[in-house]
Amino acid sequence: TLQNVESSLLKATQNLGFEHFAYGVRTSTGIMGSTVEMLNSYTDDWDSYYKQNRLYLVDPVVLHGSISTHSFAWNDDICFDNELWESAISYGIRYGWTKSTHRPNGVSSLFSLVRSDSCLDEGELTLLTPNYLWLNCIAEQGFERYLDIHAAPSIEELLTPREIEVLKWTAIGKTTSETSMILGISDRTVTFHVQNTMKKLNTANKTSTVVKAALLGLDF
C-alpha cells in the first residue's frame, strides 16, 4: 500500500541520518497547465501551510531542481536568503539533499532528504551519495505504483498522421487549395482535417491551431 511505501521510506531515511523525506511530482498537461502531487513526512502543520499557500512555486529547492537534474546539498546560496526558509527552519527543515528527475513526457519529480541540524559536508556526500541516489530510485518506483502519474498525450498521439501533414503545410503558409494539390486530395478533405485538428486542440482558427501545436511539441 501507499502507507507501506511511506513507512519503509521513512525508516530508510532515518537510517541514513535524516529526519524527513519529501517527494513531489509535477505532471504537465500541455499549455493548459500542470498538476502537482506531494508526499512527505513533515508535520501536518507545515505540510498544510506549504500546500495551501502553494509554496512550491517559490521554494528555492524546487526552483533549483527545476533547472538541473544534478543532485545537490542545500546551502546558503540556494536556500537560506529567503523568507520561506526562515519559516521552514522553525519546523526543523534546515539541511537536506535533493535530486530531481525530468522526463521527456513532461513529468518532473523532486526527492529530498531533510534534517534539522548538521549540514552535509564533503565527506558525507562522497561516502553516502550512492545510497541517497539508490533511495531516490526506490521512492520514484514506489510512489509511481500508487500516484496517478501520467503525461498528457503527445501531439503525435493526439492527431492523425494526415492531420499533422495538413497542419505542417498550413504552418508554412500554404492555402487550402495549395495543400490539396500538394497532397493530392480535395479542398474539402483538407478543410475536414483542419476542422478536426481545431476541435482536438480547442482552437478558434488555423493560426491559433498551428501555434498551439508548436507549443505542444510538434516539430514543423
C-alpha atoms as a PDB file:
ATOM      1  CA  THR A   1       0.000   0.000   0.000  1.00  0.00           C
ATOM      2  CA  LEU A   2       0.989   3.639  -0.217  1.00  0.00           C
ATOM      3  CA  GLN A   3       1.282   3.666   3.572  1.00  0.00           C
ATOM      4  CA  ASN A   4       3.761   0.772   3.406  1.00  0.00           C
ATOM      5  CA  VAL A   5       5.879   2.692   0.916  1.00  0.00           C
ATOM      6  CA  GLU A   6       5.879   5.819   3.090  1.00  0.00           C
ATOM      7  CA  SER A   7       6.697   3.856   6.249  1.00  0.00           C
ATOM      8  CA  SER A   8       9.558   1.930   4.649  1.00  0.00           C
ATOM      9  CA  LEU A   9      10.913   5.081   3.036  1.00  0.00           C
ATOM     10  CA  LEU A  10      10.885   6.968   6.335  1.00  0.00           C
ATOM     11  CA  LYS A  11      12.747   4.131   8.050  1.00  0.00           C
ATOM     12  CA  ALA A  12      15.416   4.135   5.321  1.00  0.00           C
ATOM     13  CA  THR A  13      15.590   7.938   5.519  1.00  0.00           C
ATOM     14  CA  GLN A  14      16.261   7.791   9.250  1.00  0.00           C
ATOM     15  CA  ASN A  15      18.869   5.050   8.794  1.00  0.00           C
ATOM     16  CA  LEU A  16      20.759   7.449   6.516  1.00  0.00           C
ATOM     17  CA  GLY A  17      20.833  10.134   9.213  1.00  0.00           C
ATOM     18  CA  PHE A  18      17.843  12.270   8.191  1.00  0.00           C
ATOM     19  CA  GLU A  19      14.550  13.010   9.890  1.00  0.00           C
ATOM     20  CA  HIS A  20      12.240  13.520   6.924  1.00  0.00           C
ATOM     21  CA  PHE A  21      11.751  12.769   3.269  1.00  0.00           C
ATOM     22  CA  ALA A  22       9.770  14.802   0.739  1.00  0.00           C
ATOM     23  CA  TYR A  23       8.599  13.754  -2.702  1.00  0.00           C
ATOM     24  CA  GLY A  24       6.756  15.853  -5.249  1.00  0.00           C
ATOM     25  CA  VAL A  25       5.748  15.171  -8.828  1.00  0.00           C
ATOM     26  CA  ARG A  26       4.504  17.619 -11.454  1.00  0.00           C
ATOM     27  CA  THR A  27       2.642  16.328 -14.473  1.00  0.00           C
ATOM     28  CA  SER A  28       2.389  18.608 -17.474  1.00  0.00           C
ATOM     29  CA  THR A  29      -0.983  18.915 -19.153  1.00  0.00           C
ATOM     30  CA  GLY A  30       0.385  20.800 -22.131  1.00  0.00           C
ATOM     31  CA  ILE A  31      -0.059  24.560 -22.376  1.00  0.00           C
ATOM     32  CA  MET A  32      -3.152  24.315 -20.217  1.00  0.00           C
ATOM     33  CA  GLY A  33      -1.057  23.920 -17.059  1.00  0.00           C
ATOM     34  CA  SER A  34       0.078  21.127 -14.769  1.00  0.00           C
ATOM     35  CA  THR A  35      -0.905  19.098 -11.724  1.00  0.00           C
ATOM     36  CA  VAL A  36       1.222  18.658  -8.601  1.00  0.00           C
ATOM     37  CA  GLU A  37       1.156  15.863  -6.026  1.00  0.00           C
ATOM     38  CA  MET A  38       3.265  15.849  -2.864  1.00  0.00           C
ATOM     39  CA  LEU A  39       4.026  13.302  -0.149  1.00  0.00           C
ATOM     40  CA  ASN A  40       6.313  13.823   2.828  1.00  0.00           C
ATOM     41  CA  SER A  41       6.920  13.010   6.472  1.00  0.00           C
ATOM     42  CA  TYR A  42       6.752  16.614   7.711  1.00  0.00           C
ATOM     43  CA  THR A  43       4.381  17.738  10.456  1.00  0.00           C
ATOM     44  CA  ASP A  44       0.756  18.208   9.438  1.00  0.00           C
ATOM     45  CA  ASP A  45       1.009  21.934  10.224  1.00  0.00           C
ATOM     46  CA  TRP A  46       3.908  22.545   7.854  1.00  0.00           C
ATOM     47  CA  ASP A  47       2.517  20.235   5.193  1.00  0.00           C
ATOM     48  CA  SER A  48      -0.835  22.052   5.187  1.00  0.00           C
ATOM     49  CA  TYR A  49       0.756  25.508   5.240  1.00  0.00           C
ATOM     50  CA  TYR A  50       3.096  24.620   2.373  1.00  0.00           C
ATOM     51  CA  LYS A  51       0.402  23.108   0.151  1.00  0.00           C
ATOM     52  CA  GLN A  52      -2.362  25.624   0.842  1.00  0.00           C
ATOM     53  CA  ASN A  53      -0.060  28.536   0.015  1.00  0.00           C
ATOM     54  CA  ARG A  54       1.446  26.720  -2.988  1.00  0.00           C
ATOM     55  CA  LEU A  55       4.912  27.462  -1.673  1.00  0.00           C
ATOM     56  CA  TYR A  56       6.412  25.048  -4.193  1.00  0.00           C
ATOM     57  CA  LEU A  57       6.113  27.950  -6.639  1.00  0.00           C
ATOM     58  CA  VAL A  58       8.698  29.961  -4.655  1.00  0.00           C
ATOM     59  CA  ASP A  59      10.598  27.233  -2.802  1.00  0.00           C
ATOM     60  CA  PRO A  60      14.304  27.738  -3.661  1.00  0.00           C
ATOM     61  CA  VAL A  61      14.960  23.984  -3.567  1.00  0.00           C
ATOM     62  CA  VAL A  62      12.162  23.310  -6.043  1.00  0.00           C
ATOM     63  CA  LEU A  63      13.282  26.187  -8.266  1.00  0.00           C
ATOM     64  CA  HIS A  64      16.869  24.936  -8.288  1.00  0.00           C
ATOM     65  CA  GLY A  65      15.738  21.384  -9.034  1.00  0.00           C
ATOM     66  CA  SER A  66      13.615  22.614 -11.925  1.00  0.00           C
ATOM     67  CA  ILE A  67      16.690  23.687 -13.895  1.00  0.00           C
ATOM     68  CA  SER A  68      19.035  20.795 -13.149  1.00  0.00           C
ATOM     69  CA  THR A  69      18.930  17.045 -12.652  1.00  0.00           C
ATOM     70  CA  HIS A  70      22.190  17.013 -10.681  1.00  0.00           C
ATOM     71  CA  SER A  71      21.792  16.092  -7.023  1.00  0.00           C
ATOM     72  CA  PHE A  72      22.682  18.863  -4.590  1.00  0.00           C
ATOM     73  CA  ALA A  73      23.018  19.579  -0.897  1.00  0.00           C
ATOM     74  CA  TRP A  74      21.172  22.588   0.452  1.00  0.00           C
ATOM     75  CA  ASN A  75      23.437  25.535   1.138  1.00  0.00           C
ATOM     76  CA  ASP A  76      23.273  29.275   1.753  1.00  0.00           C
ATOM     77  CA  ASP A  77      23.480  30.135  -1.950  1.00  0.00           C
ATOM     78  CA  ILE A  78      20.441  28.015  -2.771  1.00  0.00           C
ATOM     79  CA  CYS A  79      18.233  28.237   0.273  1.00  0.00           C
ATOM     80  CA  PHE A  80      18.850  30.475   3.173  1.00  0.00           C
ATOM     81  CA  ASP A  81      18.498  34.007   1.824  1.00  0.00           C
ATOM     82  CA  ASN A  82      14.772  33.507   1.631  1.00  0.00           C
ATOM     83  CA  GLU A  83      11.792  34.350   3.878  1.00  0.00           C
ATOM     84  CA  LEU A  84      10.246  30.943   3.233  1.00  0.00           C
ATOM     85  CA  TRP A  85      13.338  29.321   4.661  1.00  0.00           C
ATOM     86  CA  GLU A  86      13.027  31.183   7.956  1.00  0.00           C
ATOM     87  CA  SER A  87       9.604  29.600   8.418  1.00  0.00           C
ATOM     88  CA  ALA A  88      10.853  26.167   7.337  1.00  0.00           C
ATOM     89  CA  ILE A  89      13.690  26.235   9.862  1.00  0.00           C
ATOM     90  CA  SER A  90      11.189  26.748  12.688  1.00  0.00           C
ATOM     91  CA  TYR A  91       9.689  23.380  11.670  1.00  0.00           C
ATOM     92  CA  GLY A  92      13.052  21.612  11.718  1.00  0.00           C
ATOM     93  CA  ILE A  93      13.628  21.858   7.966  1.00  0.00           C
ATOM     94  CA  ARG A  94      17.181  23.160   7.748  1.00  0.00           C
ATOM     95  CA  TYR A  95      19.615  20.862   5.922  1.00  0.00           C
ATOM     96  CA  GLY A  96      18.985  18.458   3.102  1.00  0.00           C
ATOM     97  CA  TRP A  97      19.870  16.682  -0.113  1.00  0.00           C
ATOM     98  CA  THR A  98      17.753  16.791  -3.266  1.00  0.00           C
ATOM     99  CA  LYS A  99      17.588  15.050  -6.638  1.00  0.00           C
ATOM    100  CA  SER A 100      15.195  15.971  -9.443  1.00  0.00           C
ATOM    101  CA  THR A 101      14.128  13.956 -12.477  1.00  0.00           C
ATOM    102  CA  HIS A 102      12.802  15.435 -15.720  1.00  0.00           C
ATOM    103  CA  ARG A 103      11.303  13.020 -18.213  1.00  0.00           C
ATOM    104  CA  PRO A 104      10.693  13.612 -21.925  1.00  0.00           C
ATOM    105  CA  ASN A 105       6.954  13.057 -21.482  1.00  0.00           C
ATOM    106  CA  GLY A 106       6.583  16.165 -19.311  1.00  0.00           C
ATOM    107  CA  VAL A 107       6.639  14.518 -15.867  1.00  0.00           C
ATOM    108  CA  SER A 108       9.085  16.002 -13.338  1.00  0.00           C
ATOM    109  CA  SER A 109       9.734  14.859  -9.791  1.00  0.00           C
ATOM    110  CA  LEU A 110      11.794  16.005  -6.814  1.00  0.00           C
ATOM    111  CA  PHE A 111      13.009  13.873  -3.909  1.00  0.00           C
ATOM    112  CA  SER A 112      14.594  15.307  -0.767  1.00  0.00           C
ATOM    113  CA  LEU A 113      16.151  14.000   2.434  1.00  0.00           C
ATOM    114  CA  VAL A 114      15.863  16.516   5.278  1.00  0.00           C
ATOM    115  CA  ARG A 115      17.146  17.082   8.814  1.00  0.00           C
ATOM    116  CA  SER A 116      17.131  19.875  11.372  1.00  0.00           C
ATOM    117  CA  ASP A 117      20.821  20.040  12.278  1.00  0.00           C
ATOM    118  CA  SER A 118      24.256  19.196  10.894  1.00  0.00           C
ATOM    119  CA  CYS A 119      24.937  20.304   7.345  1.00  0.00           C
ATOM    120  CA  LEU A 120      26.115  17.769   4.779  1.00  0.00           C
ATOM    121  CA  ASP A 121      29.895  18.041   4.453  1.00  0.00           C
ATOM    122  CA  GLU A 122      32.003  16.811   1.563  1.00  0.00           C
ATOM    123  CA  GLY A 123      32.999  13.637   3.393  1.00  0.00           C
ATOM    124  CA  GLU A 124      29.404  12.566   3.979  1.00  0.00           C
ATOM    125  CA  LEU A 125      28.405  13.403   0.414  1.00  0.00           C
ATOM    126  CA  THR A 126      31.304  11.453  -1.041  1.00  0.00           C
ATOM    127  CA  LEU A 127      30.564   8.414   1.098  1.00  0.00           C
ATOM    128  CA  LEU A 128      26.767   8.331   1.038  1.00  0.00           C
ATOM    129  CA  THR A 129      25.584   9.936  -2.211  1.00  0.00           C
ATOM    130  CA  PRO A 130      25.294   6.471  -3.859  1.00  0.00           C
ATOM    131  CA  ASN A 131      22.911   5.491  -1.028  1.00  0.00           C
ATOM    132  CA  TYR A 132      20.902   8.689  -1.479  1.00  0.00           C
ATOM    133  CA  LEU A 133      20.602   8.068  -5.216  1.00  0.00           C
ATOM    134  CA  TRP A 134      19.502   4.490  -4.573  1.00  0.00           C
ATOM    135  CA  LEU A 135      16.791   5.675  -2.174  1.00  0.00           C
ATOM    136  CA  ASN A 136      15.666   8.260  -4.724  1.00  0.00           C
ATOM    137  CA  CYS A 137      15.129   5.456  -7.261  1.00  0.00           C
ATOM    138  CA  ILE A 138      13.214   3.403  -4.703  1.00  0.00           C
ATOM    139  CA  ALA A 139      10.966   6.382  -3.923  1.00  0.00           C
ATOM    140  CA  GLU A 140      10.289   7.009  -7.619  1.00  0.00           C
ATOM    141  CA  GLN A 141       9.358   3.383  -8.273  1.00  0.00           C
ATOM    142  CA  GLY A 142       7.339   3.008  -5.088  1.00  0.00           C
ATOM    143  CA  PHE A 143       5.226   6.120  -5.484  1.00  0.00           C
ATOM    144  CA  GLU A 144       4.583   5.544  -9.186  1.00  0.00           C
ATOM    145  CA  ARG A 145       2.573   2.466  -8.263  1.00  0.00           C
ATOM    146  CA  TYR A 146       0.083   4.471  -6.246  1.00  0.00           C
ATOM    147  CA  LEU A 147       0.057   8.005  -7.643  1.00  0.00           C
ATOM    148  CA  ASP A 148      -1.736   8.906 -10.835  1.00  0.00           C
ATOM    149  CA  ILE A 149       1.447   9.888 -12.653  1.00  0.00           C
ATOM    150  CA  HIS A 150       0.916  10.264 -16.358  1.00  0.00           C
ATOM    151  CA  ALA A 151       1.666  12.800 -19.024  1.00  0.00           C
ATOM    152  CA  ALA A 152      -0.709  14.499 -21.384  1.00  0.00           C
ATOM    153  CA  PRO A 153      -0.796  12.726 -24.746  1.00  0.00           C
ATOM    154  CA  SER A 154       1.833  13.951 -27.175  1.00  0.00           C
ATOM    155  CA  ILE A 155       0.761  15.896 -30.223  1.00  0.00           C
ATOM    156  CA  GLU A 156       1.646  12.871 -32.354  1.00  0.00           C
ATOM    157  CA  GLU A 157      -0.730  10.730 -30.292  1.00  0.00           C
ATOM    158  CA  LEU A 158      -3.473  13.329 -30.385  1.00  0.00           C
ATOM    159  CA  LEU A 159      -3.520  13.944 -34.148  1.00  0.00           C
ATOM    160  CA  THR A 160      -3.570  11.539 -37.080  1.00  0.00           C
ATOM    161  CA  PRO A 161      -0.599  11.457 -39.494  1.00  0.00           C
ATOM    162  CA  ARG A 162      -2.721  13.132 -42.199  1.00  0.00           C
ATOM    163  CA  GLU A 163      -3.848  15.887 -39.809  1.00  0.00           C
ATOM    164  CA  ILE A 164      -0.243  16.553 -38.895  1.00  0.00           C
ATOM    165  CA  GLU A 165       0.717  16.639 -42.573  1.00  0.00           C
ATOM    166  CA  VAL A 166      -2.009  19.174 -43.382  1.00  0.00           C
ATOM    167  CA  LEU A 167      -1.046  21.244 -40.334  1.00  0.00           C
ATOM    168  CA  LYS A 168       2.597  21.367 -41.366  1.00  0.00           C
ATOM    169  CA  TRP A 169       1.746  22.705 -44.831  1.00  0.00           C
ATOM    170  CA  THR A 170      -0.580  25.229 -43.209  1.00  0.00           C
ATOM    171  CA  ALA A 171       2.232  26.331 -40.899  1.00  0.00           C
ATOM    172  CA  ILE A 172       4.427  27.367 -43.817  1.00  0.00           C
ATOM    173  CA  GLY A 173       1.633  29.427 -45.350  1.00  0.00           C
ATOM    174  CA  LYS A 174       0.042  27.104 -47.872  1.00  0.00           C
ATOM    175  CA  THR A 175      -3.622  27.751 -48.660  1.00  0.00           C
ATOM    176  CA  THR A 176      -6.280  25.065 -48.659  1.00  0.00           C
ATOM    177  CA  SER A 177      -6.060  24.775 -52.463  1.00  0.00           C
ATOM    178  CA  GLU A 178      -2.258  24.592 -52.446  1.00  0.00           C
ATOM    179  CA  THR A 179      -2.280  21.952 -49.701  1.00  0.00           C
ATOM    180  CA  SER A 180      -4.845  19.887 -51.602  1.00  0.00           C
ATOM    181  CA  MET A 181      -2.668  19.965 -54.735  1.00  0.00           C
ATOM    182  CA  ILE A 182       0.485  19.015 -52.812  1.00  0.00           C
ATOM    183  CA  LEU A 183      -1.184  16.087 -51.042  1.00  0.00           C
ATOM    184  CA  GLY A 184      -3.368  15.012 -53.934  1.00  0.00           C
ATOM    185  CA  ILE A 185      -6.611  15.351 -52.024  1.00  0.00           C
ATOM    186  CA  SER A 186      -9.642  17.605 -52.402  1.00  0.00           C
ATOM    187  CA  ASP A 187     -10.074  21.034 -50.850  1.00  0.00           C
ATOM    188  CA  ARG A 188     -12.971  19.623 -48.882  1.00  0.00           C
ATOM    189  CA  THR A 189     -10.759  16.907 -47.393  1.00  0.00           C
ATOM    190  CA  VAL A 190      -8.127  19.468 -46.373  1.00  0.00           C
ATOM    191  CA  THR A 191     -10.815  21.567 -44.684  1.00  0.00           C
ATOM    192  CA  PHE A 192     -12.138  18.453 -42.951  1.00  0.00           C
ATOM    193  CA  HIS A 193      -8.697  17.688 -41.479  1.00  0.00           C
ATOM    194  CA  VAL A 194      -8.156  21.293 -40.392  1.00  0.00           C
ATOM    195  CA  GLN A 195     -11.529  21.390 -38.633  1.00  0.00           C
ATOM    196  CA  ASN A 196     -10.819  18.103 -36.867  1.00  0.00           C
ATOM    197  CA  THR A 197      -7.478  19.458 -35.674  1.00  0.00           C
ATOM    198  CA  MET A 198      -9.116  22.631 -34.373  1.00  0.00           C
ATOM    199  CA  LYS A 199     -11.649  20.561 -32.416  1.00  0.00           C
ATOM    200  CA  LYS A 200      -8.965  18.346 -30.882  1.00  0.00           C
ATOM    201  CA  LEU A 201      -6.786  21.293 -29.856  1.00  0.00           C
ATOM    202  CA  ASN A 202      -9.749  23.500 -28.898  1.00  0.00           C
ATOM    203  CA  THR A 203      -8.650  26.418 -31.079  1.00  0.00           C
ATOM    204  CA  ALA A 204     -10.587  29.073 -32.977  1.00  0.00           C
ATOM    205  CA  ASN A 205      -8.725  29.297 -36.276  1.00  0.00           C
ATOM    206  CA  LYS A 206      -5.853  27.867 -38.315  1.00  0.00           C
ATOM    207  CA  THR A 207      -3.275  30.295 -36.924  1.00  0.00           C
ATOM    208  CA  SER A 208      -4.010  29.504 -33.276  1.00  0.00           C
ATOM    209  CA  THR A 209      -4.044  25.792 -34.168  1.00  0.00           C
ATOM    210  CA  VAL A 210      -0.531  25.990 -35.606  1.00  0.00           C
ATOM    211  CA  VAL A 211       0.708  27.960 -32.581  1.00  0.00           C
ATOM    212  CA  LYS A 212      -0.803  25.537 -30.078  1.00  0.00           C
ATOM    213  CA  ALA A 213       0.551  22.514 -31.948  1.00  0.00           C
ATOM    214  CA  ALA A 214       4.032  24.041 -31.819  1.00  0.00           C
ATOM    215  CA  LEU A 215       3.724  24.700 -28.082  1.00  0.00           C
ATOM    216  CA  LEU A 216       2.669  21.090 -27.590  1.00  0.00           C
ATOM    217  CA  GLY A 217       5.853  19.915 -29.271  1.00  0.00           C
ATOM    218  CA  LEU A 218       5.013  19.432 -32.960  1.00  0.00           C
ATOM    219  CA  ASP A 219       8.198  19.843 -34.978  1.00  0.00           C
ATOM    220  CA  PHE A 220       7.483  21.939 -38.040  1.00  0.00           C
END
